[in-house]
C-alpha atoms as a PDB file:
ATOM      1  CA  ASP A   1     -26.641-175.960 -88.445  1.00  0.00           C
ATOM      2  CA  GLY A   2     -27.544-174.992 -85.313  1.00  0.00           C
ATOM      3  CA  ARG A   3     -31.615-173.677 -87.335  1.00  0.00           C
ATOM      4  CA  PHE A   4     -33.744-175.534 -85.696  1.00  0.00           C
ATOM      5  CA  GLU A   5     -31.965-176.132 -82.457  1.00  0.00           C
ATOM      6  CA  GLU A   6     -34.795-173.651 -80.219  1.00  0.00           C
ATOM      7  CA  PRO A   7     -38.281-175.257 -79.739  1.00  0.00           C
ATOM      8  CA  LEU A   8     -40.853-174.878 -82.492  1.00  0.00           C
ATOM      9  CA  GLU A   9     -43.416-172.968 -80.298  1.00  0.00           C
ATOM     10  CA  GLU A  10     -40.876-170.530 -78.797  1.00  0.00           C
ATOM     11  CA  ALA A  11     -39.899-169.253 -82.526  1.00  0.00           C
ATOM     12  CA  MET A  12     -43.579-169.184 -83.901  1.00  0.00           C
ATOM     13  CA  ASP A  13     -46.336-167.264 -82.347  1.00  0.00           C
ATOM     14  CA  PRO A  14     -48.494-168.791 -80.649  1.00  0.00           C
ATOM     15  CA  ILE A  15     -51.426-168.064 -82.273  1.00  0.00           C
ATOM     16  CA  ARG A  16     -49.933-169.562 -85.274  1.00  0.00           C
ATOM     17  CA  ALA A  17     -48.808-172.376 -83.243  1.00  0.00           C
ATOM     18  CA  LYS A  18     -52.671-173.022 -81.576  1.00  0.00           C
ATOM     19  CA  LYS A  19     -53.271-172.769 -85.816  1.00  0.00           C
ATOM     20  CA  ILE A  20     -51.112-175.718 -86.536  1.00  0.00           C
ATOM     21  CA  ALA A  21     -52.148-177.529 -84.143  1.00  0.00           C
ATOM     22  CA  ALA A  22     -55.478-177.399 -84.780  1.00  0.00           C
ATOM     23  CA  ALA A  23     -55.175-178.080 -88.525  1.00  0.00           C
ATOM     24  CA  VAL A  24     -52.791-181.080 -87.716  1.00  0.00           C
ATOM     25  CA  ALA A  25     -55.568-182.416 -85.408  1.00  0.00           C
ATOM     26  CA  GLY A  26     -58.318-181.884 -87.951  1.00  0.00           C
ATOM     27  CA  VAL A  27     -56.184-184.061 -90.821  1.00  0.00           C
ATOM     28  CA  LEU A  28     -55.617-186.652 -88.270  1.00  0.00           C
ATOM     29  CA  GLU A  29     -59.233-186.809 -87.148  1.00  0.00           C
ATOM     30  CA  TYR A  30     -60.582-187.014 -90.631  1.00  0.00           C
ATOM     31  CA  LEU A  31     -57.694-189.729 -91.236  1.00  0.00           C
ATOM     32  CA  ALA A  32     -58.909-191.473 -88.309  1.00  0.00           C
ATOM     33  CA  GLU A  33     -62.676-191.124 -89.688  1.00  0.00           C
ATOM     34  CA  ALA A  34     -61.857-192.490 -93.292  1.00  0.00           C
ATOM     35  CA  GLN A  35     -59.687-195.339 -91.830  1.00  0.00           C
ATOM     36  CA  ALA A  36     -62.683-196.471 -89.230  1.00  0.00           C
ATOM     37  CA  ALA A  37     -65.290-195.987 -92.747  1.00  0.00           C
ATOM     38  CA  ALA A  38     -63.024-198.031 -95.429  1.00  0.00           C
ATOM     39  CA  ALA A  39     -62.627-200.668 -92.729  1.00  0.00           C
ATOM     40  CA  PRO A  40     -66.110-202.667 -92.889  1.00  0.00           C
ATOM     41  CA  ALA A  41     -67.651-204.157 -89.122  1.00  0.00           C
ATOM     42  CA  PRO A  42     -66.929-207.736 -88.842  1.00  0.00           C
ATOM     43  CA  GLU A  43     -70.626-208.757 -88.302  1.00  0.00           C
ATOM     44  CA  LEU A  44     -71.884-206.569 -91.537  1.00  0.00           C
ATOM     45  CA  ALA A  45     -69.727-208.162 -93.696  1.00  0.00           C
ATOM     46  CA  ALA A  46     -71.325-209.734 -95.938  1.00  0.00           C
ATOM     47  CA  PRO A  47     -70.111-213.427 -97.283  1.00  0.00           C
ATOM     48  CA  ALA A  48     -68.050-213.864-100.829  1.00  0.00           C
ATOM     49  CA  ALA A  49     -70.248-214.570-103.350  1.00  0.00           C
ATOM     50  CA  PRO A  50     -69.462-217.940-105.338  1.00  0.00           C
ATOM     51  CA  ALA A  51     -67.641-217.533-108.465  1.00  0.00           C
ATOM     52  CA  PRO A  52     -69.642-218.146-111.598  1.00  0.00           C
ATOM     53  CA  GLY A  53     -68.505-220.819-113.165  1.00  0.00           C
ATOM     54  CA  PRO A  54     -67.802-220.736-116.991  1.00  0.00           C
ATOM     55  CA  ALA A  55     -70.430-220.145-119.826  1.00  0.00           C
ATOM     56  CA  PRO A  56     -71.450-223.010-121.728  1.00  0.00           C
ATOM     57  CA  SER A  57     -69.863-223.176-125.026  1.00  0.00           C
ATOM     58  CA  ALA A  58     -72.786-223.792-128.034  1.00  0.00           C
ATOM     59  CA  TRP A  59     -71.301-227.292-128.609  1.00  0.00           C
ATOM     60  CA  ALA A  60     -72.644-228.541-124.934  1.00  0.00           C
ATOM     61  CA  LEU A  61     -76.249-226.867-125.700  1.00  0.00           C
ATOM     62  CA  ALA A  62     -76.121-228.679-128.903  1.00  0.00           C
ATOM     63  CA  GLY A  63     -75.704-231.687-127.393  1.00  0.00           C
ATOM     64  CA  ARG A  64     -77.787-231.172-124.588  1.00  0.00           C
ATOM     65  CA  HIS A  65     -80.603-229.960-127.046  1.00  0.00           C
ATOM     66  CA  ASP A  66     -79.844-233.839-129.248  1.00  0.00           C
ATOM     67  CA  THR A  67     -80.094-236.042-126.676  1.00  0.00           C
ATOM     68  CA  MET A  68     -83.524-234.009-124.640  1.00  0.00           C
ATOM     69  CA  LEU A  69     -84.850-234.248-128.568  1.00  0.00           C
ATOM     70  CA  PHE A  70     -83.715-238.353-128.920  1.00  0.00           C
ATOM     71  CA  ARG A  71     -85.304-239.098-125.823  1.00  0.00           C
ATOM     72  CA  THR A  72     -88.338-237.406-126.520  1.00  0.00           C
ATOM     73  CA  LEU A  73     -88.510-239.322-130.045  1.00  0.00           C
ATOM     74  CA  TRP A  74     -87.731-242.968-127.594  1.00  0.00           C
ATOM     75  CA  GLN A  75     -90.721-242.168-125.425  1.00  0.00           C
ATOM     76  CA  ARG A  76     -93.407-241.641-127.986  1.00  0.00           C
ATOM     77  CA  ARG A  77     -91.851-244.535-129.914  1.00  0.00           C
ATOM     78  CA  VAL A  78     -92.176-246.976-127.239  1.00  0.00           C
ATOM     79  CA  ALA A  79     -95.189-245.614-125.399  1.00  0.00           C
ATOM     80  CA  ARG A  80     -97.235-246.034-129.241  1.00  0.00           C
ATOM     81  CA  PRO A  81     -99.472-248.746-128.936  1.00  0.00           C
ATOM     82  CA  GLY A  82     -98.980-251.923-130.941  1.00  0.00           C
END
């Protein structure tokens, strides 16, 4: 096409070229800082917490309660004097 044959600096006002270069440099610096802040340092990374287990069901709790009650009653019966 031939529209973009001459270099950007020659086709543009020098002050405008400096402003664009400064803006691009600022954006690149901001992106570099954001990327560095997003990646945690290896020594500061906390170890992963273990995944929580499944919650106990009502049936399991009822069974445990019955077992403990039976054990208590059995101990009272056995410990009772003659």
